[in-house]
């Protein structure tokens, strides 16, 4: 499942459509060859009676999964925004420090954000958050912040702001790590797949009973099932899937720090 969800979204959708199409064609051929007119008629009547129930079950399951996985994706993106906000607060707070201290903290902050941007997502995708390059960078930043914040010449308000900001950074990273350990609920997804296949089989039985003109209806149901299942897979891996949590806010803050926009004695354009 991990290999599949790590593919680009169009590849996941294509794989889903092709797989569902193959299953549908195989099922249709089996119905044509193994069921005579009489059994086909009886099976078609039974399938028609269950179409609404099976279709509703599939819609409920896929709707829940899409909503749940999209909420997880948004939560992960929001955690990045909150972390960037805390990093900006930390950078602003260094403005009242002596130049040497301010530059040291901002360099450590930049190093952490750069490690976050380059090494965090692959580590979370591999379920190895402790091996992320952001871990030692965060440790170095924390040590530097608490060391500087406790110096006697640092104003009390600035000291509190620095420590609160770095604690907020740590808290948001923990939240992101927890999100990464969630994953797609496989039993529910498997149930959605079974319901989707049952819906396709029912539609094929109805089409076989009513005639080839109803095959277009079965084709539409097949596409709907394939696209719904593909959509679930594309949004179920926020750190290496079809829709990945954006690191653009982190990159923008790194650029601002490198330009010296948080160093009051540096003139920027």
C-alpha atoms as a PDB file:
ATOM      1  CA  UNK A   1       0.000   0.000   0.000  1.00  0.00           C
ATOM      2  CA  UNK A   2       2.868   2.383   0.827  1.00  0.00           C
ATOM      3  CA  UNK A   3       4.392   1.985  -2.639  1.00  0.00           C
ATOM      4  CA  UNK A   4       1.047   2.699  -4.269  1.00  0.00           C
ATOM      5  CA  UNK A   5       0.256   5.805  -2.224  1.00  0.00           C
ATOM      6  CA  UNK A   6       3.718   7.244  -2.904  1.00  0.00           C
ATOM      7  CA  UNK A   7       3.056   7.421  -6.659  1.00  0.00           C
ATOM      8  CA  UNK A   8       1.961  10.655  -8.397  1.00  0.00           C
ATOM      9  CA  UNK A   9      -1.784  11.209  -8.278  1.00  0.00           C
ATOM     10  CA  UNK A  10      -2.328  10.563 -12.006  1.00  0.00           C
ATOM     11  CA  UNK A  11      -0.542   7.217 -11.770  1.00  0.00           C
ATOM     12  CA  UNK A  12      -2.659   6.161  -8.807  1.00  0.00           C
ATOM     13  CA  UNK A  13      -5.859   7.126 -10.637  1.00  0.00           C
ATOM     14  CA  UNK A  14      -4.720   5.330 -13.800  1.00  0.00           C
ATOM     15  CA  UNK A  15      -3.801   2.207 -11.822  1.00  0.00           C
ATOM     16  CA  UNK A  16      -7.194   2.242 -10.105  1.00  0.00           C
ATOM     17  CA  UNK A  17      -9.094   2.648 -13.387  1.00  0.00           C
ATOM     18  CA  UNK A  18      -7.114  -0.082 -15.172  1.00  0.00           C
ATOM     19  CA  UNK A  19      -7.441  -2.538 -12.282  1.00  0.00           C
ATOM     20  CA  UNK A  20     -11.183  -1.960 -11.902  1.00  0.00           C
ATOM     21  CA  UNK A  21     -11.628  -2.203 -15.689  1.00  0.00           C
ATOM     22  CA  UNK A  22      -9.827  -5.553 -15.804  1.00  0.00           C
ATOM     23  CA  UNK A  23     -11.944  -6.934 -12.967  1.00  0.00           C
ATOM     24  CA  UNK A  24     -15.110  -5.631 -14.628  1.00  0.00           C
ATOM     25  CA  UNK A  25     -14.266  -7.151 -18.024  1.00  0.00           C
ATOM     26  CA  UNK A  26     -13.382 -10.494 -16.446  1.00  0.00           C
ATOM     27  CA  UNK A  27     -16.648 -10.477 -14.482  1.00  0.00           C
ATOM     28  CA  UNK A  28     -18.705  -9.556 -17.558  1.00  0.00           C
ATOM     29  CA  UNK A  29     -17.139 -12.378 -19.591  1.00  0.00           C
ATOM     30  CA  UNK A  30     -17.771 -14.826 -16.771  1.00  0.00           C
ATOM     31  CA  UNK A  31     -21.428 -13.812 -16.589  1.00  0.00           C
ATOM     32  CA  UNK A  32     -21.872 -14.166 -20.352  1.00  0.00           C
ATOM     33  CA  UNK A  33     -20.203 -17.564 -20.560  1.00  0.00           C
ATOM     34  CA  UNK A  34     -21.386 -19.286 -17.387  1.00  0.00           C
ATOM     35  CA  UNK A  35     -24.939 -18.011 -16.959  1.00  0.00           C
ATOM     36  CA  UNK A  36     -27.759 -18.905 -19.282  1.00  0.00           C
ATOM     37  CA  UNK A  37     -30.755 -16.644 -20.010  1.00  0.00           C
ATOM     38  CA  UNK A  38     -32.804 -18.052 -17.121  1.00  0.00           C
ATOM     39  CA  UNK A  39     -30.199 -17.740 -14.349  1.00  0.00           C
ATOM     40  CA  UNK A  40     -29.109 -14.400 -15.788  1.00  0.00           C
ATOM     41  CA  UNK A  41     -32.702 -13.127 -15.547  1.00  0.00           C
ATOM     42  CA  UNK A  42     -33.076 -14.216 -11.922  1.00  0.00           C
ATOM     43  CA  UNK A  43     -29.648 -12.871 -10.949  1.00  0.00           C
ATOM     44  CA  UNK A  44     -30.433  -9.569 -12.653  1.00  0.00           C
ATOM     45  CA  UNK A  45     -33.667  -9.162 -10.692  1.00  0.00           C
ATOM     46  CA  UNK A  46     -31.880  -9.878  -7.412  1.00  0.00           C
ATOM     47  CA  UNK A  47     -28.998  -7.535  -8.302  1.00  0.00           C
ATOM     48  CA  UNK A  48     -31.409  -4.717  -9.160  1.00  0.00           C
ATOM     49  CA  UNK A  49     -33.048  -5.074  -5.755  1.00  0.00           C
ATOM     50  CA  UNK A  50     -29.697  -4.680  -3.998  1.00  0.00           C
ATOM     51  CA  UNK A  51     -28.312  -1.833  -6.147  1.00  0.00           C
ATOM     52  CA  UNK A  52     -29.533   0.953  -3.864  1.00  0.00           C
ATOM     53  CA  UNK A  53     -28.268  -0.699  -0.673  1.00  0.00           C
ATOM     54  CA  UNK A  54     -24.839  -1.552  -2.090  1.00  0.00           C
ATOM     55  CA  UNK A  55     -24.507   1.850  -3.751  1.00  0.00           C
ATOM     56  CA  UNK A  56     -25.386   3.634  -0.507  1.00  0.00           C
ATOM     57  CA  UNK A  57     -22.865   1.561   1.448  1.00  0.00           C
ATOM     58  CA  UNK A  58     -20.125   2.354  -1.053  1.00  0.00           C
ATOM     59  CA  UNK A  59     -20.991   6.068  -1.055  1.00  0.00           C
ATOM     60  CA  UNK A  60     -20.981   6.249   2.752  1.00  0.00           C
ATOM     61  CA  UNK A  61     -17.662   4.428   3.094  1.00  0.00           C
ATOM     62  CA  UNK A  62     -15.820   6.376   0.400  1.00  0.00           C
ATOM     63  CA  UNK A  63     -17.337   9.680   1.526  1.00  0.00           C
ATOM     64  CA  UNK A  64     -16.158   9.056   5.080  1.00  0.00           C
ATOM     65  CA  UNK A  65     -12.663   8.013   3.978  1.00  0.00           C
ATOM     66  CA  UNK A  66     -12.210  10.967   1.618  1.00  0.00           C
ATOM     67  CA  UNK A  67     -13.402  13.404   4.283  1.00  0.00           C
ATOM     68  CA  UNK A  68     -11.197  11.827   6.950  1.00  0.00           C
ATOM     69  CA  UNK A  69      -8.042  11.688   4.827  1.00  0.00           C
ATOM     70  CA  UNK A  70      -8.525  15.223   3.532  1.00  0.00           C
ATOM     71  CA  UNK A  71      -8.954  16.478   7.111  1.00  0.00           C
ATOM     72  CA  UNK A  72      -5.678  14.765   8.016  1.00  0.00           C
ATOM     73  CA  UNK A  73      -3.947  16.403   5.057  1.00  0.00           C
ATOM     74  CA  UNK A  74      -5.255  19.833   6.106  1.00  0.00           C
ATOM     75  CA  UNK A  75      -4.226  19.242   9.707  1.00  0.00           C
ATOM     76  CA  UNK A  76      -0.689  18.386   8.598  1.00  0.00           C
ATOM     77  CA  UNK A  77      -0.535  21.540   6.464  1.00  0.00           C
ATOM     78  CA  UNK A  78      -1.844  23.629   9.350  1.00  0.00           C
ATOM     79  CA  UNK A  79       0.881  22.248  11.608  1.00  0.00           C
ATOM     80  CA  UNK A  80       3.463  23.558   9.142  1.00  0.00           C
ATOM     81  CA  UNK A  81       1.831  26.980   9.205  1.00  0.00           C
ATOM     82  CA  UNK A  82       1.791  27.013  12.996  1.00  0.00           C
ATOM     83  CA  UNK A  83       5.452  25.988  13.113  1.00  0.00           C
ATOM     84  CA  UNK A  84       6.466  28.714  10.682  1.00  0.00           C
ATOM     85  CA  UNK A  85       4.519  31.210  12.784  1.00  0.00           C
ATOM     86  CA  UNK A  86       6.412  30.110  15.906  1.00  0.00           C
ATOM     87  CA  UNK A  87       9.716  30.313  14.022  1.00  0.00           C
ATOM     88  CA  UNK A  88       8.891  33.857  12.889  1.00  0.00           C
ATOM     89  CA  UNK A  89       8.077  34.806  16.479  1.00  0.00           C
ATOM     90  CA  UNK A  90      11.417  33.417  17.596  1.00  0.00           C
ATOM     91  CA  UNK A  91      13.228  35.335  14.871  1.00  0.00           C
ATOM     92  CA  UNK A  92      11.477  38.607  15.802  1.00  0.00           C
ATOM     93  CA  UNK A  93      12.354  38.115  19.461  1.00  0.00           C
ATOM     94  CA  UNK A  94      16.068  37.995  18.636  1.00  0.00           C
ATOM     95  CA  UNK A  95      15.886  41.641  17.508  1.00  0.00           C
ATOM     96  CA  UNK A  96      16.510  42.916  21.052  1.00  0.00           C
ATOM     97  CA  UNK A  97      19.539  40.699  21.610  1.00  0.00           C
ATOM     98  CA  UNK A  98      23.167  41.648  21.075  1.00  0.00           C
ATOM     99  CA  UNK A  99      24.206  41.057  17.443  1.00  0.00           C
ATOM    100  CA  UNK A 100      26.317  37.985  18.244  1.00  0.00           C
ATOM    101  CA  UNK A 101      23.474  36.245  20.106  1.00  0.00           C
ATOM    102  CA  UNK A 102      20.844  37.230  17.550  1.00  0.00           C
ATOM    103  CA  UNK A 103      22.911  35.986  14.647  1.00  0.00           C
ATOM    104  CA  UNK A 104      23.708  32.721  16.414  1.00  0.00           C
ATOM    105  CA  UNK A 105      20.056  31.964  17.137  1.00  0.00           C
ATOM    106  CA  UNK A 106      18.949  32.885  13.635  1.00  0.00           C
ATOM    107  CA  UNK A 107      21.643  30.705  12.088  1.00  0.00           C
ATOM    108  CA  UNK A 108      20.514  27.778  14.258  1.00  0.00           C
ATOM    109  CA  UNK A 109      16.891  28.483  13.350  1.00  0.00           C
ATOM    110  CA  UNK A 110      17.769  28.584   9.649  1.00  0.00           C
ATOM    111  CA  UNK A 111      19.654  25.299   9.966  1.00  0.00           C
ATOM    112  CA  UNK A 112      16.646  23.686  11.641  1.00  0.00           C
ATOM    113  CA  UNK A 113      14.203  24.938   9.010  1.00  0.00           C
ATOM    114  CA  UNK A 114      16.500  23.784   6.219  1.00  0.00           C
ATOM    115  CA  UNK A 115      16.778  20.318   7.810  1.00  0.00           C
ATOM    116  CA  UNK A 116      12.999  20.313   8.179  1.00  0.00           C
ATOM    117  CA  UNK A 117      12.507  21.131   4.517  1.00  0.00           C
ATOM    118  CA  UNK A 118      15.011  18.605   3.171  1.00  0.00           C
ATOM    119  CA  UNK A 119      14.935  15.674   5.587  1.00  0.00           C
ATOM    120  CA  UNK A 120      11.701  15.638   7.573  1.00  0.00           C
ATOM    121  CA  UNK A 121       9.183  14.517   4.966  1.00  0.00           C
ATOM    122  CA  UNK A 122      11.164  11.446   3.761  1.00  0.00           C
ATOM    123  CA  UNK A 123      11.689  10.371   7.378  1.00  0.00           C
ATOM    124  CA  UNK A 124       7.984  10.726   8.221  1.00  0.00           C
ATOM    125  CA  UNK A 125       7.001   8.849   5.062  1.00  0.00           C
ATOM    126  CA  UNK A 126       9.309   5.989   6.093  1.00  0.00           C
ATOM    127  CA  UNK A 127       7.855   5.987   9.638  1.00  0.00           C
ATOM    128  CA  UNK A 128      11.295   6.920  10.970  1.00  0.00           C
ATOM    129  CA  UNK A 129      10.727  10.336  12.525  1.00  0.00           C
ATOM    130  CA  UNK A 130      13.601   9.845  14.975  1.00  0.00           C
ATOM    131  CA  UNK A 131      16.048   9.571  12.065  1.00  0.00           C
ATOM    132  CA  UNK A 132      15.027  12.906  10.547  1.00  0.00           C
ATOM    133  CA  UNK A 133      17.833  15.424  10.086  1.00  0.00           C
ATOM    134  CA  UNK A 134      15.557  17.915  11.859  1.00  0.00           C
ATOM    135  CA  UNK A 135      16.018  16.102  15.196  1.00  0.00           C
ATOM    136  CA  UNK A 136      19.657  17.088  15.891  1.00  0.00           C
ATOM    137  CA  UNK A 137      19.026  20.528  14.393  1.00  0.00           C
ATOM    138  CA  UNK A 138      16.109  21.053  16.789  1.00  0.00           C
ATOM    139  CA  UNK A 139      18.219  19.898  19.727  1.00  0.00           C
ATOM    140  CA  UNK A 140      20.951  22.391  18.834  1.00  0.00           C
ATOM    141  CA  UNK A 141      18.406  25.199  18.460  1.00  0.00           C
ATOM    142  CA  UNK A 142      16.785  24.411  21.819  1.00  0.00           C
ATOM    143  CA  UNK A 143      20.115  24.401  23.618  1.00  0.00           C
ATOM    144  CA  UNK A 144      21.120  27.709  22.062  1.00  0.00           C
ATOM    145  CA  UNK A 145      17.785  29.379  22.824  1.00  0.00           C
ATOM    146  CA  UNK A 146      17.658  28.322  26.471  1.00  0.00           C
ATOM    147  CA  UNK A 147      21.314  29.238  26.958  1.00  0.00           C
ATOM    148  CA  UNK A 148      20.872  32.751  25.537  1.00  0.00           C
ATOM    149  CA  UNK A 149      17.425  33.329  27.090  1.00  0.00           C
ATOM    150  CA  UNK A 150      18.797  32.699  30.604  1.00  0.00           C
ATOM    151  CA  UNK A 151      21.616  35.217  30.347  1.00  0.00           C
ATOM    152  CA  UNK A 152      21.216  38.129  32.795  1.00  0.00           C
ATOM    153  CA  UNK A 153      21.311  40.879  30.169  1.00  0.00           C
ATOM    154  CA  UNK A 154      18.386  39.476  28.172  1.00  0.00           C
ATOM    155  CA  UNK A 155      15.098  41.314  28.943  1.00  0.00           C
ATOM    156  CA  UNK A 156      12.509  39.186  30.711  1.00  0.00           C
ATOM    157  CA  UNK A 157       9.868  39.591  27.998  1.00  0.00           C
ATOM    158  CA  UNK A 158      12.324  38.581  25.271  1.00  0.00           C
ATOM    159  CA  UNK A 159      13.494  35.599  27.318  1.00  0.00           C
ATOM    160  CA  UNK A 160       9.932  34.326  27.745  1.00  0.00           C
ATOM    161  CA  UNK A 161       9.128  34.878  24.064  1.00  0.00           C
ATOM    162  CA  UNK A 162      12.218  32.975  22.920  1.00  0.00           C
ATOM    163  CA  UNK A 163      11.520  29.998  25.144  1.00  0.00           C
ATOM    164  CA  UNK A 164       7.799  29.920  24.346  1.00  0.00           C
ATOM    165  CA  UNK A 165       8.547  30.061  20.619  1.00  0.00           C
ATOM    166  CA  UNK A 166      10.997  27.171  20.668  1.00  0.00           C
ATOM    167  CA  UNK A 167       8.584  25.138  22.800  1.00  0.00           C
ATOM    168  CA  UNK A 168       5.870  25.859  20.230  1.00  0.00           C
ATOM    169  CA  UNK A 169       8.205  24.643  17.472  1.00  0.00           C
ATOM    170  CA  UNK A 170       8.742  21.401  19.351  1.00  0.00           C
ATOM    171  CA  UNK A 171       5.030  20.958  20.011  1.00  0.00           C
ATOM    172  CA  UNK A 172       4.083  21.440  16.357  1.00  0.00           C
ATOM    173  CA  UNK A 173       6.702  18.961  15.208  1.00  0.00           C
ATOM    174  CA  UNK A 174       5.357  16.387  17.664  1.00  0.00           C
ATOM    175  CA  UNK A 175       1.875  16.958  16.279  1.00  0.00           C
ATOM    176  CA  UNK A 176       3.153  16.370  12.741  1.00  0.00           C
ATOM    177  CA  UNK A 177       4.886  13.154  13.808  1.00  0.00           C
ATOM    178  CA  UNK A 178       1.636  11.900  15.363  1.00  0.00           C
ATOM    179  CA  UNK A 179      -0.230  12.711  12.138  1.00  0.00           C
ATOM    180  CA  UNK A 180       2.325  10.763  10.105  1.00  0.00           C
ATOM    181  CA  UNK A 181       1.776   7.623  12.191  1.00  0.00           C
ATOM    182  CA  UNK A 182      -1.969   7.574  11.496  1.00  0.00           C
ATOM    183  CA  UNK A 183      -2.215   6.219   7.972  1.00  0.00           C
ATOM    184  CA  UNK A 184      -5.179   5.002   5.961  1.00  0.00           C
ATOM    185  CA  UNK A 185      -7.528   2.715   7.952  1.00  0.00           C
ATOM    186  CA  UNK A 186      -7.031  -0.427   5.895  1.00  0.00           C
ATOM    187  CA  UNK A 187     -10.083  -2.382   7.167  1.00  0.00           C
ATOM    188  CA  UNK A 188     -12.405   0.453   6.121  1.00  0.00           C
ATOM    189  CA  UNK A 189     -10.635   0.843   2.790  1.00  0.00           C
ATOM    190  CA  UNK A 190     -10.866  -2.901   2.178  1.00  0.00           C
ATOM    191  CA  UNK A 191     -14.580  -2.750   2.972  1.00  0.00           C
ATOM    192  CA  UNK A 192     -14.965   0.137   0.500  1.00  0.00           C
ATOM    193  CA  UNK A 193     -13.178  -1.918  -2.172  1.00  0.00           C
ATOM    194  CA  UNK A 194     -15.470  -4.888  -1.535  1.00  0.00           C
ATOM    195  CA  UNK A 195     -18.553  -2.657  -1.679  1.00  0.00           C
ATOM    196  CA  UNK A 196     -17.297  -1.095  -4.904  1.00  0.00           C
ATOM    197  CA  UNK A 197     -16.710  -4.457  -6.531  1.00  0.00           C
ATOM    198  CA  UNK A 198     -20.139  -5.680  -5.390  1.00  0.00           C
ATOM    199  CA  UNK A 199     -21.681  -2.546  -6.925  1.00  0.00           C
ATOM    200  CA  UNK A 200     -19.914  -3.230 -10.230  1.00  0.00           C
ATOM    201  CA  UNK A 201     -20.975  -6.890 -10.261  1.00  0.00           C
ATOM    202  CA  UNK A 202     -24.580  -5.895  -9.548  1.00  0.00           C
ATOM    203  CA  UNK A 203     -24.550  -3.341 -12.355  1.00  0.00           C
ATOM    204  CA  UNK A 204     -23.132  -5.922 -14.783  1.00  0.00           C
ATOM    205  CA  UNK A 205     -25.839  -8.419 -13.824  1.00  0.00           C
ATOM    206  CA  UNK A 206     -28.517  -5.787 -14.375  1.00  0.00           C
ATOM    207  CA  UNK A 207     -26.978  -4.846 -17.728  1.00  0.00           C
ATOM    208  CA  UNK A 208     -26.820  -8.514 -18.766  1.00  0.00           C
ATOM    209  CA  UNK A 209     -30.535  -8.881 -17.979  1.00  0.00           C
ATOM    210  CA  UNK A 210     -31.711  -5.640 -19.585  1.00  0.00           C
ATOM    211  CA  UNK A 211     -29.500  -5.696 -22.685  1.00  0.00           C
ATOM    212  CA  UNK A 212     -26.357  -4.078 -24.020  1.00  0.00           C
ATOM    213  CA  UNK A 213     -27.853  -0.577 -23.976  1.00  0.00           C
ATOM    214  CA  UNK A 214     -27.510  -0.653 -20.185  1.00  0.00           C
ATOM    215  CA  UNK A 215     -23.793  -1.363 -20.451  1.00  0.00           C
ATOM    216  CA  UNK A 216     -23.112   2.384 -20.431  1.00  0.00           C
ATOM    217  CA  UNK A 217     -24.658   2.586 -16.984  1.00  0.00           C
ATOM    218  CA  UNK A 218     -22.361  -0.182 -15.785  1.00  0.00           C
ATOM    219  CA  UNK A 219     -19.402   1.629 -17.364  1.00  0.00           C
ATOM    220  CA  UNK A 220     -20.283   4.830 -15.496  1.00  0.00           C
ATOM    221  CA  UNK A 221     -20.513   2.952 -12.205  1.00  0.00           C
ATOM    222  CA  UNK A 222     -17.157   1.297 -12.898  1.00  0.00           C
ATOM    223  CA  UNK A 223     -15.492   4.699 -13.478  1.00  0.00           C
ATOM    224  CA  UNK A 224     -17.109   6.172 -10.375  1.00  0.00           C
ATOM    225  CA  UNK A 225     -15.817   3.305  -8.225  1.00  0.00           C
ATOM    226  CA  UNK A 226     -12.305   3.522  -9.693  1.00  0.00           C
ATOM    227  CA  UNK A 227     -12.081   7.308  -9.294  1.00  0.00           C
ATOM    228  CA  UNK A 228     -13.393   7.258  -5.722  1.00  0.00           C
ATOM    229  CA  UNK A 229     -10.911   4.581  -4.641  1.00  0.00           C
ATOM    230  CA  UNK A 230      -8.090   6.370  -6.466  1.00  0.00           C
ATOM    231  CA  UNK A 231      -8.979   9.675  -4.792  1.00  0.00           C
ATOM    232  CA  UNK A 232      -8.759   8.068  -1.362  1.00  0.00           C
ATOM    233  CA  UNK A 233      -5.286   6.718  -2.105  1.00  0.00           C
ATOM    234  CA  UNK A 234      -3.949   9.996  -3.512  1.00  0.00           C
ATOM    235  CA  UNK A 235      -4.717  11.983  -0.349  1.00  0.00           C
ATOM    236  CA  UNK A 236      -3.876   9.288   2.204  1.00  0.00           C
ATOM    237  CA  UNK A 237      -0.111   9.937   2.385  1.00  0.00           C
ATOM    238  CA  UNK A 238       0.453  13.626   3.237  1.00  0.00           C
ATOM    239  CA  UNK A 239       4.258  13.351   3.261  1.00  0.00           C
ATOM    240  CA  UNK A 240       4.939  11.301   0.116  1.00  0.00           C
ATOM    241  CA  UNK A 241       1.668  10.824  -1.752  1.00  0.00           C
ATOM    242  CA  UNK A 242      -0.143  12.439  -4.617  1.00  0.00           C
ATOM    243  CA  UNK A 243      -0.982  15.474  -2.474  1.00  0.00           C
ATOM    244  CA  UNK A 244       2.008  16.299  -0.274  1.00  0.00           C
ATOM    245  CA  UNK A 245       2.039  18.883   2.512  1.00  0.00           C
ATOM    246  CA  UNK A 246       3.670  21.982   1.051  1.00  0.00           C
ATOM    247  CA  UNK A 247       7.021  23.206   2.393  1.00  0.00           C
ATOM    248  CA  UNK A 248       6.706  26.587   0.645  1.00  0.00           C
ATOM    249  CA  UNK A 249       6.051  28.512   3.915  1.00  0.00           C
ATOM    250  CA  UNK A 250       9.267  27.039   5.333  1.00  0.00           C
ATOM    251  CA  UNK A 251      11.228  27.998   2.210  1.00  0.00           C
ATOM    252  CA  UNK A 252       9.881  31.556   2.338  1.00  0.00           C
ATOM    253  CA  UNK A 253      10.939  31.996   5.957  1.00  0.00           C
ATOM    254  CA  UNK A 254      14.399  30.587   5.218  1.00  0.00           C
ATOM    255  CA  UNK A 255      14.792  33.149   2.421  1.00  0.00           C
ATOM    256  CA  UNK A 256      13.751  35.966   4.756  1.00  0.00           C
ATOM    257  CA  UNK A 257      16.228  34.856   7.419  1.00  0.00           C
ATOM    258  CA  UNK A 258      19.053  34.563   4.893  1.00  0.00           C
ATOM    259  CA  UNK A 259      18.320  38.086   3.644  1.00  0.00           C
ATOM    260  CA  UNK A 260      18.656  39.408   7.181  1.00  0.00           C
ATOM    261  CA  UNK A 261      15.097  40.668   7.432  1.00  0.00           C
ATOM    262  CA  UNK A 262      14.996  39.761  11.132  1.00  0.00           C
ATOM    263  CA  UNK A 263      18.312  41.452  11.928  1.00  0.00           C
ATOM    264  CA  UNK A 264      17.435  45.097  12.710  1.00  0.00           C
ATOM    265  CA  UNK A 265      20.922  46.383  11.952  1.00  0.00           C
ATOM    266  CA  UNK A 266      20.950  44.876   8.436  1.00  0.00           C
ATOM    267  CA  UNK A 267      19.503  47.024   5.645  1.00  0.00           C
ATOM    268  CA  UNK A 268      17.439  44.953   3.193  1.00  0.00           C
ATOM    269  CA  UNK A 269      15.674  45.824  -0.011  1.00  0.00           C
END
